[in-house]
Protein backbone atom coordinates (compact mmCIF):
# COMPACT_ATOMS: atom_id res chain seq x y z
CA MET A 1 0.00 0.00 0.00
CA ALA A 2 1.11 3.54 -0.65
CA LEU A 3 0.56 6.96 0.89
CA SER A 4 -1.64 9.13 -1.31
CA TYR A 5 -0.44 12.62 -2.16
CA SER A 6 -1.44 15.67 -4.13
CA LEU A 7 0.63 18.58 -5.41
CA ILE A 8 0.20 22.12 -4.09
CA LYS A 9 1.93 25.30 -5.23
CA ARG A 10 3.07 27.29 -2.20
CA ARG A 11 5.41 30.11 -1.30
CA ASN A 12 9.06 29.15 -1.66
CA MET A 13 10.30 28.53 1.90
CA GLU A 14 13.99 28.11 0.95
CA LYS A 15 16.58 30.45 2.42
CA ASP A 16 17.21 33.51 0.21
CA ALA A 17 14.25 32.67 -2.06
CA PRO A 18 13.04 35.55 -4.24
CA VAL A 19 9.98 37.36 -2.86
CA GLY A 20 6.80 35.98 -4.40
CA SER A 21 8.44 32.84 -5.79
CA LYS A 22 6.54 29.58 -5.50
CA LEU A 23 7.42 25.90 -5.62
CA VAL A 24 5.37 22.74 -6.08
CA TYR A 25 5.22 20.65 -2.90
CA GLY A 26 3.86 17.16 -2.33
CA SER A 27 1.31 16.86 0.45
CA THR A 28 0.20 13.47 1.76
CA ARG A 29 -3.53 12.87 2.24
CA THR A 30 -5.36 10.39 4.41
CA THR A 31 -7.81 8.22 2.53
CA SER A 32 -9.73 6.69 5.44
CA LYS A 33 -10.04 6.62 9.21
CA MET A 34 -10.11 3.64 11.56
CA ASP A 35 -11.96 4.22 14.83
CA LEU A 36 -11.44 2.21 18.02
CA ASN A 37 -14.23 -0.26 17.22
CA LYS A 38 -12.83 -1.04 13.77
CA LEU A 39 -9.35 -1.34 15.27
CA CYS A 40 -10.62 -3.87 17.81
CA ASP A 41 -12.37 -5.85 15.06
CA ALA A 42 -9.19 -5.91 12.96
CA ILE A 43 -7.01 -7.04 15.89
CA ALA A 44 -9.55 -9.71 16.88
CA ALA A 45 -9.57 -11.02 13.29
CA HIS A 46 -5.79 -11.59 13.55
CA SER A 47 -5.79 -13.22 16.99
CA THR A 48 -7.69 -15.65 19.20
CA ALA A 49 -8.98 -12.78 21.35
CA SER A 50 -12.55 -11.58 20.94
CA ARG A 51 -13.41 -8.01 19.97
CA GLY A 52 -14.51 -7.38 23.59
CA ASP A 53 -11.23 -8.75 24.97
CA VAL A 54 -9.25 -6.48 22.65
CA MET A 55 -11.40 -3.49 23.66
CA LEU A 56 -10.77 -4.20 27.37
CA VAL A 57 -7.01 -4.40 26.82
CA LEU A 58 -6.91 -1.17 24.79
CA GLU A 59 -9.06 0.69 27.33
CA GLY A 60 -6.70 -0.56 30.06
CA LEU A 61 -3.72 0.61 28.01
CA ILE A 62 -5.24 4.08 27.63
CA TYR A 63 -5.96 4.25 31.38
CA ILE A 64 -2.41 3.23 32.34
CA LEU A 65 -0.85 5.54 29.73
CA THR A 66 -2.84 8.47 31.11
CA GLU A 67 -1.93 7.66 34.70
CA ARG A 68 1.78 7.03 34.08
CA LEU A 69 2.35 9.94 31.67
CA GLN A 70 0.87 12.34 34.23
CA ALA A 71 3.37 10.95 36.76
CA GLY A 72 6.31 11.68 34.40
CA THR A 73 6.98 8.06 33.47
CA VAL A 74 8.26 7.00 30.05
CA VAL A 75 5.93 4.19 28.98
CA GLY A 76 7.82 1.67 26.86
CA MET A 77 5.98 -0.73 24.59
CA GLY A 78 8.87 -2.83 23.30
CA ASN A 79 9.36 -2.79 19.52
CA PHE A 80 6.26 -0.59 19.15
CA GLY A 81 7.88 2.45 20.78
CA ASN A 82 7.82 4.78 23.79
CA PHE A 83 5.45 7.48 25.04
CA ARG A 84 6.51 10.39 27.26
CA MET A 85 5.10 13.77 28.23
CA VAL A 86 7.20 16.93 27.92
CA ALA A 87 6.66 20.65 28.52
CA GLY A 88 8.93 23.64 28.03
CA SER A 89 8.56 26.98 29.74
CA VAL A 90 9.17 30.67 29.26
CA GLY A 91 12.33 31.96 30.90
CA ALA A 92 12.79 33.74 34.21
CA SER A 93 15.73 35.89 35.26
CA THR A 94 16.21 34.05 38.56
CA GLU A 95 15.11 30.84 40.20
CA GLU A 96 12.99 32.84 42.65
CA GLU A 97 11.02 34.45 39.79
CA PHE A 98 10.18 31.11 38.20
CA ASN A 99 6.80 29.53 38.93
CA THR A 100 4.80 26.69 37.42
CA SER A 101 2.47 29.02 35.51
CA MET A 102 5.41 29.68 33.20
CA PHE A 103 5.17 26.19 31.73
CA LYS A 104 3.75 25.89 28.23
CA LYS A 105 1.06 23.32 27.45
CA PRO A 106 2.51 19.80 27.84
CA ARG A 107 2.48 17.45 24.88
CA ILE A 108 2.84 13.72 24.46
CA ILE A 109 5.81 12.53 22.45
CA PHE A 110 5.76 9.14 20.77
CA LYS A 111 9.08 7.70 19.61
CA PRO A 112 8.48 4.79 17.24
CA GLY A 113 10.28 1.54 17.90
CA ILE A 114 11.81 -0.84 15.38
CA LEU A 115 8.48 -2.05 13.97
CA LEU A 116 7.13 1.39 13.11
CA ARG A 117 10.48 2.73 11.90
CA GLU A 118 10.41 -0.03 9.30
CA VAL A 119 7.04 1.30 8.10
CA THR A 120 8.50 4.78 7.55
CA ASN A 121 11.71 3.43 5.99
CA ASN A 122 9.72 1.46 3.40
CA ALA A 123 7.05 4.08 2.61
CA LYS A 124 5.79 4.30 -0.96
CA PHE A 125 3.86 7.17 -2.51
CA GLU A 126 1.00 7.28 -5.02
CA LYS A 127 -0.37 10.44 -6.65
CA LEU A 128 -4.09 11.03 -6.14
CA PRO A 129 -6.08 11.36 -9.36
CA THR A 130 -6.78 14.92 -10.47
CA VAL A 131 -10.30 16.11 -9.75
CA THR A 132 -11.94 18.63 -12.05
CA VAL A 133 -13.98 21.22 -10.19
CA THR A 134 -17.03 22.41 -12.11
CA VAL A 135 -18.53 24.67 -9.46
CA THR A 136 -17.47 28.31 -9.79
CA GLU A 137 -16.45 28.75 -6.20
CA GLN A 138 -13.65 31.03 -5.02
CA CYS A 139 -10.59 29.25 -3.63
CA ASP A 140 -7.66 31.17 -2.18
CA LYS A 141 -5.16 28.33 -2.79
CA GLU A 142 -3.25 27.77 -5.98
CA HIS A 143 -3.42 24.16 -7.22
CA VAL A 144 -1.26 22.26 -9.71
CA TYR A 145 -3.11 20.12 -12.23
């Protein structure tokens, strides 16, 4: 399977690019979405566990991830990867001036393990078919056809 992409003409973001110059960039597009129920069905189809069993395990995983990430723990999942929560802050002149309100919004970082790195290393790309628009509607983006 391949990642679908389309081409979009955007402002040239290269260093020292002439003002107003544009380049054609590839932009990947998702073609479908798998919700938790469909994920459980797919996992159950490839194992001896029932859909309900898979759902219980995934809900338990989400509960433990939430609990452990809030406690500052790196949650390792073997070859799948690791989850951790990080937050930066704005600076203070002295230690006395620093307080916890200076932290920016925390975010969860996922570092893929060996299995998922293989997916990215072997990625293939497939151009989406061009769609002709027949409605006379204003669009502020420039497209490449």
